[in-house]
Amino acid sequence: MGITTEQLVEYTAEFLPDLDIEKLEVYKNELIERNKNVNLTAITEPREINEKHFLDCLSVFRFIDFKKNATVIDVGTGAGF
C-alpha cells in the first residue's frame, strides 16, 4: 500500500522539518528507472518506496539527535539507503 509523498512530509515534519522532499523525489525516480536494468530493490512502487525506504530510514532521526550537517551512513542496507 505505502504512503503518499504528502504523508511522508507530514510524518517526518516533527523531527525533520527541513526535509528536502524534492531531492527524495529525484532519488525515487532515479531508483525506479535504474531498477529496470539492475535489480537494486524489489520495492519499486512510489508509495512503497516512500514508506519502506524513505520513512523507515528517516525514522532514526526521531530517536537520535544528530549534530547539524552530520554525515550518517547505514552500511549494508542496499540501494544506497
N, C-alpha and C. Protein backbone atom coordinates (compact mmCIF):
# COMPACT_ATOMS: atom_id res chain seq x y z
N MET A 1 0.83 -1.20 0.00
CA MET A 1 0.00 0.00 0.00
C MET A 1 0.87 1.25 0.00
N GLY A 2 1.68 1.45 1.04
CA GLY A 2 2.58 2.59 1.07
C GLY A 2 1.92 3.89 1.49
N ILE A 3 2.71 4.96 1.39
CA ILE A 3 2.23 6.28 1.76
C ILE A 3 2.53 7.27 0.64
N THR A 4 1.75 8.32 0.58
CA THR A 4 1.98 9.36 -0.42
C THR A 4 3.16 10.23 -0.01
N THR A 5 3.64 11.02 -0.93
CA THR A 5 4.71 11.97 -0.64
C THR A 5 4.25 12.97 0.40
N GLU A 6 3.02 13.39 0.30
CA GLU A 6 2.47 14.35 1.27
C GLU A 6 2.46 13.74 2.67
N GLN A 7 2.10 12.46 2.78
CA GLN A 7 2.11 11.78 4.07
C GLN A 7 3.52 11.66 4.61
N LEU A 8 4.48 11.38 3.75
CA LEU A 8 5.87 11.30 4.17
C LEU A 8 6.32 12.62 4.79
N VAL A 9 6.00 13.71 4.14
CA VAL A 9 6.35 15.03 4.68
C VAL A 9 5.66 15.25 6.01
N GLU A 10 4.39 14.89 6.09
CA GLU A 10 3.62 15.07 7.33
C GLU A 10 4.21 14.23 8.47
N TYR A 11 4.53 12.98 8.20
CA TYR A 11 5.05 12.08 9.23
C TYR A 11 6.43 12.50 9.74
N THR A 12 7.23 13.12 8.88
CA THR A 12 8.59 13.49 9.27
C THR A 12 8.70 14.94 9.74
N ALA A 13 7.64 15.71 9.63
CA ALA A 13 7.68 17.15 9.95
C ALA A 13 8.14 17.43 11.38
N GLU A 14 7.76 16.59 12.31
CA GLU A 14 8.11 16.80 13.71
C GLU A 14 9.62 16.71 13.95
N PHE A 15 10.27 15.74 13.32
CA PHE A 15 11.69 15.53 13.58
C PHE A 15 12.60 15.91 12.42
N LEU A 16 12.04 16.19 11.25
CA LEU A 16 12.81 16.67 10.09
C LEU A 16 12.04 17.78 9.38
N PRO A 17 11.88 18.92 10.03
CA PRO A 17 11.06 19.99 9.44
C PRO A 17 11.65 20.56 8.15
N ASP A 18 12.96 20.39 7.94
CA ASP A 18 13.60 20.93 6.74
C ASP A 18 13.87 19.87 5.68
N LEU A 19 13.14 18.77 5.72
CA LEU A 19 13.32 17.69 4.77
C LEU A 19 13.17 18.21 3.34
N ASP A 20 14.16 17.94 2.50
CA ASP A 20 14.13 18.38 1.11
C ASP A 20 13.46 17.29 0.27
N ILE A 21 12.16 17.33 0.22
CA ILE A 21 11.38 16.29 -0.45
C ILE A 21 11.67 16.24 -1.94
N GLU A 22 12.05 17.35 -2.52
CA GLU A 22 12.36 17.37 -3.95
C GLU A 22 13.56 16.47 -4.26
N LYS A 23 14.55 16.45 -3.40
CA LYS A 23 15.71 15.57 -3.60
C LYS A 23 15.31 14.11 -3.47
N LEU A 24 14.42 13.82 -2.53
CA LEU A 24 13.95 12.44 -2.39
C LEU A 24 13.15 12.01 -3.62
N GLU A 25 12.39 12.92 -4.18
CA GLU A 25 11.62 12.60 -5.39
C GLU A 25 12.56 12.29 -6.56
N VAL A 26 13.62 13.07 -6.70
CA VAL A 26 14.61 12.80 -7.75
C VAL A 26 15.23 11.42 -7.53
N TYR A 27 15.62 11.14 -6.28
CA TYR A 27 16.22 9.85 -5.95
C TYR A 27 15.25 8.71 -6.25
N LYS A 28 14.00 8.88 -5.86
CA LYS A 28 12.99 7.84 -6.09
C LYS A 28 12.82 7.57 -7.58
N ASN A 29 12.72 8.61 -8.37
CA ASN A 29 12.56 8.44 -9.81
C ASN A 29 13.77 7.77 -10.44
N GLU A 30 14.95 8.14 -9.98
CA GLU A 30 16.19 7.53 -10.49
C GLU A 30 16.26 6.05 -10.08
N LEU A 31 15.87 5.75 -8.85
CA LEU A 31 15.85 4.37 -8.37
C LEU A 31 14.92 3.51 -9.22
N ILE A 32 13.74 4.01 -9.48
CA ILE A 32 12.77 3.27 -10.29
C ILE A 32 13.31 3.03 -11.69
N GLU A 33 13.89 4.06 -12.28
CA GLU A 33 14.42 3.94 -13.64
C GLU A 33 15.59 2.96 -13.71
N ARG A 34 16.55 3.10 -12.82
CA ARG A 34 17.74 2.23 -12.84
C ARG A 34 17.42 0.80 -12.43
N ASN A 35 16.38 0.63 -11.63
CA ASN A 35 15.99 -0.71 -11.21
C ASN A 35 15.45 -1.54 -12.37
N LYS A 36 15.10 -0.90 -13.46
CA LYS A 36 14.64 -1.61 -14.64
C LYS A 36 15.76 -2.44 -15.26
N ASN A 37 17.01 -2.00 -15.09
CA ASN A 37 18.16 -2.69 -15.68
C ASN A 37 19.00 -3.46 -14.66
N VAL A 38 19.00 -3.00 -13.42
CA VAL A 38 19.79 -3.62 -12.36
C VAL A 38 18.87 -3.82 -11.16
N ASN A 39 18.84 -5.01 -10.64
CA ASN A 39 17.95 -5.30 -9.52
C ASN A 39 18.50 -4.70 -8.23
N LEU A 40 18.16 -3.44 -7.97
CA LEU A 40 18.60 -2.75 -6.76
C LEU A 40 17.67 -3.04 -5.59
N THR A 41 16.39 -3.18 -5.87
CA THR A 41 15.39 -3.38 -4.83
C THR A 41 14.16 -4.04 -5.41
N ALA A 42 13.47 -4.82 -4.59
CA ALA A 42 12.19 -5.40 -5.01
C ALA A 42 11.06 -4.40 -4.83
N ILE A 43 11.32 -3.35 -4.07
CA ILE A 43 10.32 -2.32 -3.80
C ILE A 43 10.44 -1.24 -4.88
N THR A 44 9.46 -1.18 -5.77
CA THR A 44 9.55 -0.25 -6.90
C THR A 44 8.33 0.64 -7.07
N GLU A 45 7.30 0.44 -6.28
CA GLU A 45 6.12 1.30 -6.35
C GLU A 45 6.41 2.58 -5.57
N PRO A 46 6.12 3.75 -6.14
CA PRO A 46 6.45 5.01 -5.48
C PRO A 46 5.97 5.13 -4.03
N ARG A 47 4.74 4.73 -3.75
CA ARG A 47 4.22 4.83 -2.38
C ARG A 47 4.94 3.86 -1.44
N GLU A 48 5.31 2.70 -1.95
CA GLU A 48 6.06 1.73 -1.16
C GLU A 48 7.48 2.24 -0.88
N ILE A 49 8.09 2.88 -1.86
CA ILE A 49 9.42 3.48 -1.67
C ILE A 49 9.35 4.54 -0.58
N ASN A 50 8.31 5.38 -0.63
CA ASN A 50 8.14 6.41 0.40
C ASN A 50 8.12 5.81 1.80
N GLU A 51 7.39 4.72 1.95
CA GLU A 51 7.24 4.12 3.28
C GLU A 51 8.41 3.21 3.66
N LYS A 52 8.70 2.24 2.82
CA LYS A 52 9.63 1.18 3.20
C LYS A 52 11.09 1.55 3.01
N HIS A 53 11.37 2.54 2.21
CA HIS A 53 12.75 3.01 2.07
C HIS A 53 12.93 4.33 2.82
N PHE A 54 12.23 5.36 2.39
CA PHE A 54 12.45 6.69 2.95
C PHE A 54 12.01 6.81 4.41
N LEU A 55 10.76 6.52 4.71
CA LEU A 55 10.28 6.69 6.08
C LEU A 55 11.03 5.78 7.05
N ASP A 56 11.25 4.54 6.66
CA ASP A 56 11.98 3.63 7.53
C ASP A 56 13.38 4.17 7.86
N CYS A 57 14.07 4.68 6.85
CA CYS A 57 15.42 5.22 7.07
C CYS A 57 15.40 6.53 7.85
N LEU A 58 14.48 7.40 7.53
CA LEU A 58 14.43 8.70 8.17
C LEU A 58 13.94 8.64 9.61
N SER A 59 13.27 7.58 9.98
CA SER A 59 12.73 7.45 11.34
C SER A 59 13.81 7.48 12.41
N VAL A 60 15.02 7.12 12.08
CA VAL A 60 16.11 7.17 13.06
C VAL A 60 16.31 8.58 13.61
N PHE A 61 15.97 9.59 12.81
CA PHE A 61 16.13 10.97 13.25
C PHE A 61 15.14 11.34 14.36
N ARG A 62 14.12 10.53 14.55
CA ARG A 62 13.18 10.75 15.64
C ARG A 62 13.82 10.38 16.99
N PHE A 63 14.77 9.46 16.97
CA PHE A 63 15.33 8.91 18.19
C PHE A 63 16.75 9.36 18.50
N ILE A 64 17.47 9.82 17.49
CA ILE A 64 18.86 10.23 17.67
C ILE A 64 19.00 11.69 17.24
N ASP A 65 19.58 12.49 18.09
CA ASP A 65 19.77 13.91 17.80
C ASP A 65 21.15 14.10 17.17
N PHE A 66 21.21 14.03 15.84
CA PHE A 66 22.46 14.21 15.13
C PHE A 66 22.85 15.69 15.12
N LYS A 67 24.14 15.94 15.14
CA LYS A 67 24.61 17.32 15.03
C LYS A 67 24.25 17.85 13.65
N LYS A 68 24.05 19.15 13.56
CA LYS A 68 23.73 19.78 12.28
C LYS A 68 24.84 19.48 11.28
N ASN A 69 24.45 19.13 10.07
CA ASN A 69 25.36 18.80 8.96
C ASN A 69 26.19 17.55 9.21
N ALA A 70 25.73 16.67 10.12
CA ALA A 70 26.42 15.41 10.36
C ALA A 70 26.28 14.53 9.13
N THR A 71 27.27 13.69 8.90
CA THR A 71 27.21 12.71 7.84
C THR A 71 26.91 11.36 8.47
N VAL A 72 25.90 10.69 7.94
CA VAL A 72 25.45 9.42 8.52
C VAL A 72 25.38 8.39 7.41
N ILE A 73 25.83 7.17 7.69
CA ILE A 73 25.73 6.10 6.72
C ILE A 73 25.28 4.83 7.43
N ASP A 74 24.42 4.08 6.78
CA ASP A 74 23.97 2.79 7.27
C ASP A 74 24.54 1.76 6.30
N VAL A 75 25.63 1.14 6.67
CA VAL A 75 26.35 0.23 5.79
C VAL A 75 25.56 -1.07 5.61
N GLY A 76 25.45 -1.49 4.35
CA GLY A 76 24.83 -2.77 4.07
C GLY A 76 23.33 -2.76 3.92
N THR A 77 22.75 -1.61 3.68
CA THR A 77 21.29 -1.56 3.59
C THR A 77 20.78 -1.69 2.17
N GLY A 78 21.63 -1.72 1.19
CA GLY A 78 21.21 -1.93 -0.20
C GLY A 78 20.65 -0.69 -0.86
N ALA A 79 20.90 -0.54 -2.14
CA ALA A 79 20.38 0.55 -2.98
C ALA A 79 20.65 1.95 -2.42
N GLY A 80 21.63 2.07 -1.54
CA GLY A 80 22.03 3.37 -1.04
C GLY A 80 21.24 3.88 0.13
N PHE A 81 20.45 3.04 0.76
CA PHE A 81 19.66 3.50 1.89
C PHE A 81 20.43 3.32 3.17
